[in-house]
Amino acid sequence: MSIKLFSNMQRVKAVLVVTAILIAAASLIVSHFLIRDLTLQEERNAGVWAEAMRSLQAADGTTDLGLVLTVIEGNTTIPVVVLDARGNVIAARNVGVPQDSIDAAIAQTAPGGTLKEELKQRAATMQNAGHAFRFELSDSTKSQTAITVCYESSVMLRRLAAFPYVQLGVAALFLLVAILALLSSKRAEQNKVWVGLSRETAHQLGTPLSSLMAGSEILKESYPDDPLLPELEKDIQRLQLIAERFSKIGSTPTLQDENLCGVIERVAQYIGRRASDKVRLTTNFPSDHVTARINAPLFEWVIENLCKNAIDAMQGEGSITIYVYTRRDRTCIDVSDTGKGIARSHWKSVFKPGFTTKRRGWGLGLSLAKRIVEEYHNGSIYVKNSEPGVGTTFCIELKK
């Protein structure tokens, strides 16, 4: 899988996200127009109720109040508070308080009262929001010369206004759960592929290794002084190490206290013997003995992958430096190279399976290194620093 395919996957994800945003925006727009129409309807109803209240206050002995009272009693949803010319509450409905309590509080002659004050404050809030009708009454009215009818949106309308956001929130929650479940399933499937491929590789290496070991013993008996036999032994041991590494993938490896600098030095010597003369590999170890709880064969594999990637990035010419140091409760290993570097936007992507900038690469080396460090050693691995054309530094952190 190449970087181009990875970019295509990113585009598909971006298209899906944009589509989801458009759907959410369309839902909110439709809800907005619906709420707007319902709000206008409630404002008209509030105006009708206010006119009925004006008629009631201005009524005389000859006025037919049947229709007026029907309109007033028919309002069971819109909160209203009626004030006289001096700002005193003379009527209120649907304000979240039992109507009997409201009528009793208004009937009191004393100007004080907690409920009256609360109704005044609520009326002031309604007026500040521009939800009020003021009517001038005729001079025949002895009690007051003007009334102000204050109103606000009903509880049902406010709930409807909030419902789209609640609906989108619930949908987003379900979508998040579905994505997490999908990612978990995909990760489990990837793990099965990793384990199956690794163990099958170890199994396939077993048969030729046995033949090579038997052949090596026969050659020792026939040509004990042959100078090529030690090199053959080294290659067989190397193949045994590779088979052991693959066999450990998928199972919990045994961690032991190891001399970390000694483990890294073995890898440096192995890479140094097989790298070009134009590649300079150096190590920088602290004077104190550094011990880490690791699985040596697997951890060597991580350092090898980082060094081989560095050699590829340098195109066979440059320098690699491995630093080992301690920081608080962590033991750190930095692997720096003078290669072509990594764009900052790809610092996290380089650890994803299939991501590679090489023409014939599989994109599995750094993914495998991340798995070994994080899942088997409870550590972390990340791009510490990288600059295109200058080089890259990978950092591994292990708990002391």
Protein backbone atom coordinates (compact mmCIF):
# COMPACT_ATOMS: atom_id res chain seq x y z
CA MET A 1 0.00 0.00 0.00
CA SER A 2 1.45 3.34 -0.95
CA ILE A 3 1.20 6.91 0.32
CA LYS A 4 -1.13 7.66 -2.61
CA LEU A 5 -3.64 5.05 -1.41
CA PHE A 6 -3.36 6.44 2.11
CA SER A 7 -4.16 9.91 0.76
CA ASN A 8 -7.20 8.52 -1.08
CA MET A 9 -8.47 7.00 2.17
CA GLN A 10 -8.03 10.35 3.87
CA ARG A 11 -10.06 12.00 1.10
CA VAL A 12 -12.86 9.46 1.54
CA LYS A 13 -12.94 10.17 5.29
CA ALA A 14 -13.01 13.91 4.59
CA VAL A 15 -15.93 13.49 2.16
CA LEU A 16 -17.87 11.47 4.76
CA VAL A 17 -17.24 14.09 7.45
CA VAL A 18 -18.31 16.92 5.13
CA THR A 19 -21.46 14.97 4.18
CA ALA A 20 -22.33 14.46 7.85
CA ILE A 21 -21.83 18.17 8.51
CA LEU A 22 -24.07 19.10 5.58
CA ILE A 23 -26.81 16.76 6.81
CA ALA A 24 -26.57 18.26 10.30
CA ALA A 25 -26.67 21.79 8.87
CA ALA A 26 -29.71 20.96 6.73
CA SER A 27 -31.49 19.53 9.76
CA LEU A 28 -30.77 22.66 11.78
CA ILE A 29 -31.91 24.95 8.95
CA VAL A 30 -35.22 23.09 8.55
CA SER A 31 -35.73 23.16 12.32
CA HIS A 32 -34.91 26.87 12.37
CA PHE A 33 -37.63 27.70 9.83
CA LEU A 34 -40.12 25.48 11.64
CA ILE A 35 -39.41 27.14 14.99
CA ARG A 36 -39.58 30.57 13.35
CA ASP A 37 -43.07 29.85 11.96
CA LEU A 38 -44.25 28.49 15.32
CA THR A 39 -42.82 31.54 17.08
CA LEU A 40 -44.70 33.90 14.75
CA GLN A 41 -47.88 31.90 15.39
CA GLU A 42 -47.41 32.21 19.14
CA GLU A 43 -46.77 35.95 18.83
CA ARG A 44 -50.04 36.34 16.94
CA ASN A 45 -51.85 34.29 19.60
CA ALA A 46 -50.26 36.41 22.30
CA GLY A 47 -51.49 39.53 20.47
CA VAL A 48 -55.04 38.13 20.34
CA TRP A 49 -54.90 37.32 24.06
CA ALA A 50 -53.57 40.82 24.83
CA GLU A 51 -56.41 42.38 22.85
CA ALA A 52 -58.88 40.23 24.79
CA MET A 53 -57.33 41.41 28.07
CA ARG A 54 -57.60 45.03 26.89
CA SER A 55 -61.27 44.48 26.11
CA LEU A 56 -61.81 42.96 29.55
CA GLN A 57 -60.13 45.88 31.31
CA ALA A 58 -62.03 48.44 29.25
CA ALA A 59 -65.41 46.68 29.54
CA ASP A 60 -68.46 48.43 30.94
CA GLY A 61 -71.85 47.11 31.97
CA THR A 62 -73.09 46.72 28.41
CA THR A 63 -70.09 44.78 27.06
CA ASP A 64 -70.61 41.09 26.12
CA LEU A 65 -67.67 39.31 27.77
CA GLY A 66 -68.44 35.77 26.58
CA LEU A 67 -66.00 35.73 23.66
CA VAL A 68 -63.39 37.73 25.61
CA LEU A 69 -63.38 35.28 28.51
CA THR A 70 -63.25 32.34 26.11
CA VAL A 71 -60.08 33.74 24.52
CA ILE A 72 -58.50 34.48 27.90
CA GLU A 73 -59.32 31.08 29.35
CA GLY A 74 -58.19 29.37 26.13
CA ASN A 75 -54.55 30.34 26.64
CA THR A 76 -53.05 27.33 28.39
CA THR A 77 -49.50 27.44 27.02
CA ILE A 78 -48.17 30.98 26.53
CA PRO A 79 -46.79 32.57 29.76
CA VAL A 80 -48.23 36.08 30.22
CA VAL A 81 -48.01 38.76 32.91
CA VAL A 82 -50.26 41.86 32.87
CA LEU A 83 -49.10 45.11 34.49
CA ASP A 84 -51.08 48.25 35.24
CA ALA A 85 -49.91 51.81 34.56
CA ARG A 86 -47.88 51.85 37.83
CA GLY A 87 -46.14 48.52 37.03
CA ASN A 88 -48.17 46.41 39.47
CA VAL A 89 -49.14 42.88 38.49
CA ILE A 90 -52.89 42.57 37.88
CA ALA A 91 -52.97 39.17 36.11
CA ALA A 92 -50.70 36.28 35.13
CA ARG A 93 -51.10 32.87 33.52
CA ASN A 94 -48.93 29.86 32.66
CA VAL A 95 -45.88 31.06 34.59
CA GLY A 96 -45.14 27.75 36.30
CA VAL A 97 -47.08 28.60 39.47
CA PRO A 98 -50.57 27.27 40.35
CA GLN A 99 -53.22 29.72 39.21
CA ASP A 100 -54.83 29.78 42.68
CA SER A 101 -51.55 30.97 44.20
CA ILE A 102 -51.23 33.68 41.54
CA ASP A 103 -54.79 34.92 42.10
CA ALA A 104 -54.28 34.94 45.88
CA ALA A 105 -51.02 36.89 45.61
CA ILE A 106 -52.55 39.47 43.25
CA ALA A 107 -55.59 39.87 45.51
CA GLN A 108 -53.40 40.94 48.43
CA THR A 109 -53.57 44.68 49.08
CA ALA A 110 -50.04 44.83 50.48
CA PRO A 111 -47.52 45.93 47.84
CA GLY A 112 -44.90 43.40 48.91
CA GLY A 113 -44.87 39.64 48.45
CA THR A 114 -42.31 37.27 47.05
CA LEU A 115 -44.50 35.97 44.25
CA LYS A 116 -45.46 39.49 43.15
CA GLU A 117 -41.80 40.51 43.00
CA GLU A 118 -40.92 37.41 41.01
CA LEU A 119 -43.71 38.14 38.54
CA LYS A 120 -42.51 41.76 38.21
CA GLN A 121 -38.98 40.62 37.48
CA ARG A 122 -40.21 38.10 34.94
CA ALA A 123 -42.34 40.80 33.28
CA ALA A 124 -39.28 43.07 33.12
CA THR A 125 -37.33 40.29 31.40
CA MET A 126 -40.16 39.85 28.87
CA GLN A 127 -40.23 43.58 28.18
CA ASN A 128 -36.46 43.73 27.70
CA ALA A 129 -36.80 40.96 25.10
CA GLY A 130 -39.40 43.08 23.25
CA HIS A 131 -42.30 40.77 24.09
CA ALA A 132 -44.91 43.24 25.35
CA PHE A 133 -48.12 45.00 24.20
CA ARG A 134 -49.12 48.33 25.77
CA PHE A 135 -52.71 49.56 25.58
CA GLU A 136 -54.09 52.97 26.55
CA LEU A 137 -57.53 52.67 28.12
CA SER A 138 -60.42 55.18 27.90
CA ASP A 139 -61.04 57.75 30.60
CA SER A 140 -64.16 55.86 31.70
CA THR A 141 -61.92 53.34 33.38
CA LYS A 142 -61.44 54.44 36.95
CA SER A 143 -58.83 51.90 38.12
CA GLN A 144 -56.10 52.39 35.52
CA THR A 145 -55.42 54.31 32.35
CA ALA A 146 -53.09 51.79 30.65
CA ILE A 147 -52.08 48.13 30.82
CA THR A 148 -49.01 46.25 29.54
CA VAL A 149 -49.34 42.60 28.50
CA CYS A 150 -45.95 40.81 28.65
CA TYR A 151 -45.42 37.35 27.20
CA GLU A 152 -42.71 34.81 26.31
CA SER A 153 -42.38 31.62 24.31
CA SER A 154 -44.22 28.61 25.66
CA VAL A 155 -42.41 25.70 27.27
CA MET A 156 -43.35 23.49 24.34
CA LEU A 157 -41.81 25.93 21.84
CA ARG A 158 -38.59 26.16 23.84
CA ARG A 159 -38.41 22.38 23.97
CA LEU A 160 -38.95 22.17 20.23
CA ALA A 161 -36.16 24.72 19.69
CA ALA A 162 -33.75 22.60 21.74
CA PHE A 163 -34.88 19.27 20.32
CA PRO A 164 -32.80 19.38 17.07
CA TYR A 165 -29.61 19.90 19.07
CA VAL A 166 -30.52 17.07 21.44
CA GLN A 167 -31.35 14.88 18.44
CA LEU A 168 -28.03 15.69 16.76
CA GLY A 169 -26.20 15.06 20.02
CA VAL A 170 -27.79 11.63 20.42
CA ALA A 171 -27.09 10.84 16.75
CA ALA A 172 -23.46 11.95 17.18
CA LEU A 173 -23.17 9.77 20.27
CA PHE A 174 -24.51 6.72 18.43
CA LEU A 175 -22.21 7.51 15.49
CA LEU A 176 -19.24 7.78 17.83
CA VAL A 177 -20.09 4.44 19.46
CA ALA A 178 -20.50 2.86 16.02
CA ILE A 179 -17.15 4.25 14.84
CA LEU A 180 -15.40 3.05 17.99
CA ALA A 181 -16.95 -0.39 17.58
CA LEU A 182 -15.90 -0.45 13.92
CA LEU A 183 -12.36 0.64 14.75
CA SER A 184 -12.17 -1.94 17.52
CA SER A 185 -13.39 -4.66 15.14
CA LYS A 186 -10.95 -3.52 12.48
CA ARG A 187 -8.10 -3.46 14.99
CA ALA A 188 -8.97 -6.96 16.18
CA GLU A 189 -9.04 -8.16 12.58
CA GLN A 190 -5.67 -6.53 11.93
CA ASN A 191 -4.29 -8.20 15.03
CA LYS A 192 -5.44 -11.59 13.78
CA VAL A 193 -3.75 -10.94 10.45
CA TRP A 194 -0.55 -9.87 12.22
CA VAL A 195 -0.52 -12.92 14.46
CA GLY A 196 -1.41 -15.36 11.69
CA LEU A 197 1.17 -13.96 9.29
CA SER A 198 3.89 -13.88 11.94
CA ARG A 199 3.34 -17.41 13.19
CA GLU A 200 3.02 -18.79 9.69
CA THR A 201 6.34 -17.12 8.80
CA ALA A 202 8.01 -18.63 11.85
CA HIS A 203 6.55 -22.03 10.97
CA GLN A 204 7.72 -21.80 7.36
CA LEU A 205 11.24 -20.85 8.48
CA GLY A 206 11.43 -23.85 10.79
CA THR A 207 11.87 -26.55 8.11
CA PRO A 208 14.70 -24.93 6.10
CA LEU A 209 16.40 -23.92 9.33
CA SER A 210 16.49 -27.52 10.51
CA SER A 211 18.00 -28.57 7.18
CA LEU A 212 20.59 -25.78 7.33
CA MET A 213 21.60 -26.70 10.87
CA ALA A 214 21.97 -30.37 9.90
CA GLY A 215 23.95 -29.42 6.81
CA SER A 216 26.20 -27.17 8.88
CA GLU A 217 27.03 -30.04 11.25
CA ILE A 218 27.91 -32.29 8.30
CA LEU A 219 30.17 -29.58 6.84
CA LYS A 220 31.93 -29.20 10.20
CA GLU A 221 32.79 -32.88 10.21
CA SER A 222 33.93 -32.89 6.56
CA TYR A 223 35.67 -29.48 6.48
CA PRO A 224 36.43 -28.48 10.06
CA ASP A 225 38.91 -25.76 9.06
CA ASP A 226 36.87 -24.10 6.35
CA PRO A 227 36.84 -20.30 7.03
CA LEU A 228 33.30 -19.94 5.66
CA LEU A 229 31.73 -22.14 8.35
CA PRO A 230 31.74 -19.46 11.09
CA GLU A 231 29.92 -17.06 8.76
CA LEU A 232 27.42 -19.77 7.91
CA GLU A 233 26.85 -20.31 11.64
CA LYS A 234 26.20 -16.61 12.09
CA ASP A 235 23.63 -16.59 9.29
CA ILE A 236 21.87 -19.63 10.75
CA GLN A 237 21.76 -17.97 14.18
CA ARG A 238 20.36 -14.86 12.53
CA LEU A 239 17.60 -16.86 10.89
CA GLN A 240 16.85 -18.52 14.23
CA LEU A 241 16.56 -15.08 15.83
CA ILE A 242 14.17 -13.90 13.09
CA ALA A 243 12.02 -17.02 13.48
CA GLU A 244 11.95 -16.46 17.27
CA ARG A 245 10.84 -12.87 16.79
CA PHE A 246 7.98 -13.84 14.50
CA SER A 247 6.88 -16.59 16.86
CA LYS A 248 6.56 -14.08 19.73
CA ILE A 249 4.10 -11.83 17.86
CA GLY A 250 0.59 -12.39 19.20
CA SER A 251 1.67 -13.83 22.54
CA THR A 252 2.79 -12.04 25.68
CA PRO A 253 6.61 -12.00 25.59
CA THR A 254 8.71 -12.49 28.70
CA LEU A 255 10.36 -9.27 29.86
CA GLN A 256 13.68 -9.39 31.68
CA ASP A 257 16.10 -6.85 33.08
CA GLU A 258 18.65 -6.35 30.32
CA ASN A 259 21.68 -4.18 29.77
CA LEU A 260 20.03 -1.75 27.35
CA CYS A 261 23.29 -0.35 26.00
CA GLY A 262 24.57 -3.88 25.35
CA VAL A 263 21.43 -4.79 23.41
CA ILE A 264 21.65 -1.64 21.29
CA GLU A 265 25.39 -2.14 20.74
CA ARG A 266 24.72 -5.59 19.27
CA VAL A 267 22.23 -4.07 16.81
CA ALA A 268 24.65 -1.27 15.92
CA GLN A 269 27.42 -3.78 15.17
CA TYR A 270 25.09 -5.92 13.04
CA ILE A 271 23.79 -2.93 11.04
CA GLY A 272 27.29 -1.46 10.75
CA ARG A 273 28.71 -4.63 9.19
CA ARG A 274 25.97 -4.74 6.56
CA ALA A 275 25.60 -1.04 5.76
CA SER A 276 27.49 0.87 3.12
CA ASP A 277 30.88 2.36 3.91
CA LYS A 278 29.28 5.74 3.37
CA VAL A 279 26.98 5.21 6.36
CA ARG A 280 28.48 6.12 9.74
CA LEU A 281 26.66 4.62 12.75
CA THR A 282 27.66 5.83 16.22
CA THR A 283 26.31 5.31 19.71
CA ASN A 284 26.23 7.71 22.64
CA PHE A 285 25.72 5.90 25.94
CA PRO A 286 25.77 7.31 29.49
CA SER A 287 28.62 6.39 31.80
CA ASP A 288 26.22 4.72 34.26
CA HIS A 289 24.89 1.24 33.65
CA VAL A 290 21.37 1.46 32.13
CA THR A 291 19.03 -1.47 32.79
CA ALA A 292 15.62 -1.83 31.16
CA ARG A 293 12.94 -4.48 31.45
CA ILE A 294 12.60 -5.64 27.85
CA ASN A 295 12.40 -8.66 25.60
CA ALA A 296 15.79 -8.47 23.92
CA PRO A 297 14.98 -10.19 20.57
CA LEU A 298 11.89 -8.03 19.99
CA PHE A 299 13.52 -4.81 21.14
CA GLU A 300 16.50 -5.42 18.87
CA TRP A 301 13.99 -5.72 16.05
CA VAL A 302 12.65 -2.23 16.84
CA ILE A 303 16.13 -0.65 16.75
CA GLU A 304 16.93 -2.53 13.53
CA ASN A 305 13.78 -1.21 11.85
CA LEU A 306 14.61 2.36 12.85
CA CYS A 307 18.19 2.04 11.60
CA LYS A 308 17.15 0.43 8.30
CA ASN A 309 14.56 3.13 7.71
CA ALA A 310 17.23 5.73 8.45
CA ILE A 311 19.59 4.15 5.88
CA ASP A 312 16.79 4.16 3.29
CA ALA A 313 15.99 7.80 4.08
CA MET A 314 19.65 8.75 3.63
CA GLN A 315 19.83 6.76 0.37
CA GLY A 316 22.88 4.89 1.62
CA GLU A 317 24.95 7.91 2.63
CA GLY A 318 24.96 9.83 5.92
CA SER A 319 25.21 9.28 9.65
CA ILE A 320 23.04 7.59 12.28
CA THR A 321 23.46 8.31 15.98
CA ILE A 322 21.80 6.35 18.78
CA TYR A 323 21.52 8.16 22.13
CA VAL A 324 20.58 6.50 25.42
CA TYR A 325 19.70 8.71 28.41
CA THR A 326 17.37 8.86 31.42
CA ARG A 327 14.75 11.49 32.18
CA ARG A 328 12.89 11.42 35.47
CA ASP A 329 11.13 8.04 35.55
CA ARG A 330 11.87 7.23 31.89
CA THR A 331 14.66 5.63 29.94
CA CYS A 332 14.90 7.19 26.48
CA ILE A 333 16.50 6.07 23.23
CA ASP A 334 16.87 8.58 20.38
CA VAL A 335 17.69 7.36 16.87
CA SER A 336 18.77 10.30 14.70
CA ASP A 337 19.68 10.33 11.02
CA THR A 338 20.68 12.85 8.37
CA GLY A 339 18.10 11.68 5.83
CA LYS A 340 15.47 13.48 3.81
CA GLY A 341 13.20 14.07 6.82
CA ILE A 342 9.44 13.74 7.32
CA ALA A 343 6.82 16.45 6.81
CA ARG A 344 5.20 17.42 10.11
CA SER A 345 1.76 16.43 8.77
CA HIS A 346 3.02 12.81 8.48
CA TRP A 347 4.63 12.48 11.93
CA LYS A 348 1.76 10.37 13.27
CA SER A 349 0.89 8.73 9.97
CA VAL A 350 4.27 7.02 9.62
CA PHE A 351 3.24 4.47 12.27
CA LYS A 352 0.07 3.43 10.45
CA PRO A 353 0.17 0.09 8.60
CA GLY A 354 0.63 0.59 4.89
CA PHE A 355 2.10 4.09 5.09
CA THR A 356 5.36 4.30 3.15
CA THR A 357 7.23 6.74 0.95
CA LYS A 358 9.33 4.00 -0.63
CA ARG A 359 8.40 2.78 -4.09
CA ARG A 360 8.49 -0.89 -3.08
CA GLY A 361 7.88 -0.60 0.64
CA TRP A 362 5.17 -2.45 2.57
CA GLY A 363 4.83 0.20 5.25
CA LEU A 364 4.93 -2.31 8.12
CA GLY A 365 8.29 -1.68 9.82
CA LEU A 366 7.36 1.33 11.94
CA SER A 367 3.89 -0.06 12.61
CA LEU A 368 5.48 -3.23 13.96
CA ALA A 369 7.96 -1.19 16.00
CA LYS A 370 5.11 0.81 17.55
CA ARG A 371 3.24 -2.39 18.41
CA ILE A 372 6.29 -3.94 20.08
CA VAL A 373 7.13 -0.82 22.09
CA GLU A 374 3.63 0.15 23.19
CA GLU A 375 1.80 -3.16 23.57
CA TYR A 376 4.61 -5.43 24.73
CA HIS A 377 6.86 -2.99 26.63
CA ASN A 378 4.28 -0.43 27.84
CA GLY A 379 6.40 2.35 26.38
CA SER A 380 5.94 4.94 23.66
CA ILE A 381 7.57 5.72 20.33
CA TYR A 382 7.13 8.92 18.36
CA VAL A 383 8.80 11.33 15.96
CA LYS A 384 10.70 13.66 18.26
CA ASN A 385 11.92 16.00 15.56
CA SER A 386 12.15 16.04 11.78
CA GLU A 387 12.97 18.61 9.15
CA PRO A 388 12.82 17.94 5.41
CA GLY A 389 16.32 17.86 3.98
CA VAL A 390 17.98 17.82 7.42
CA GLY A 391 17.02 14.57 9.15
CA THR A 392 14.74 12.80 11.59
CA THR A 393 14.90 11.76 15.24
CA PHE A 394 12.71 8.95 16.60
CA CYS A 395 12.37 8.65 20.36
CA ILE A 396 11.53 5.53 22.38
CA GLU A 397 10.53 5.97 26.02
CA LEU A 398 10.46 3.08 28.49
CA LYS A 399 9.46 3.09 32.13
CA LYS A 400 12.39 2.61 34.47
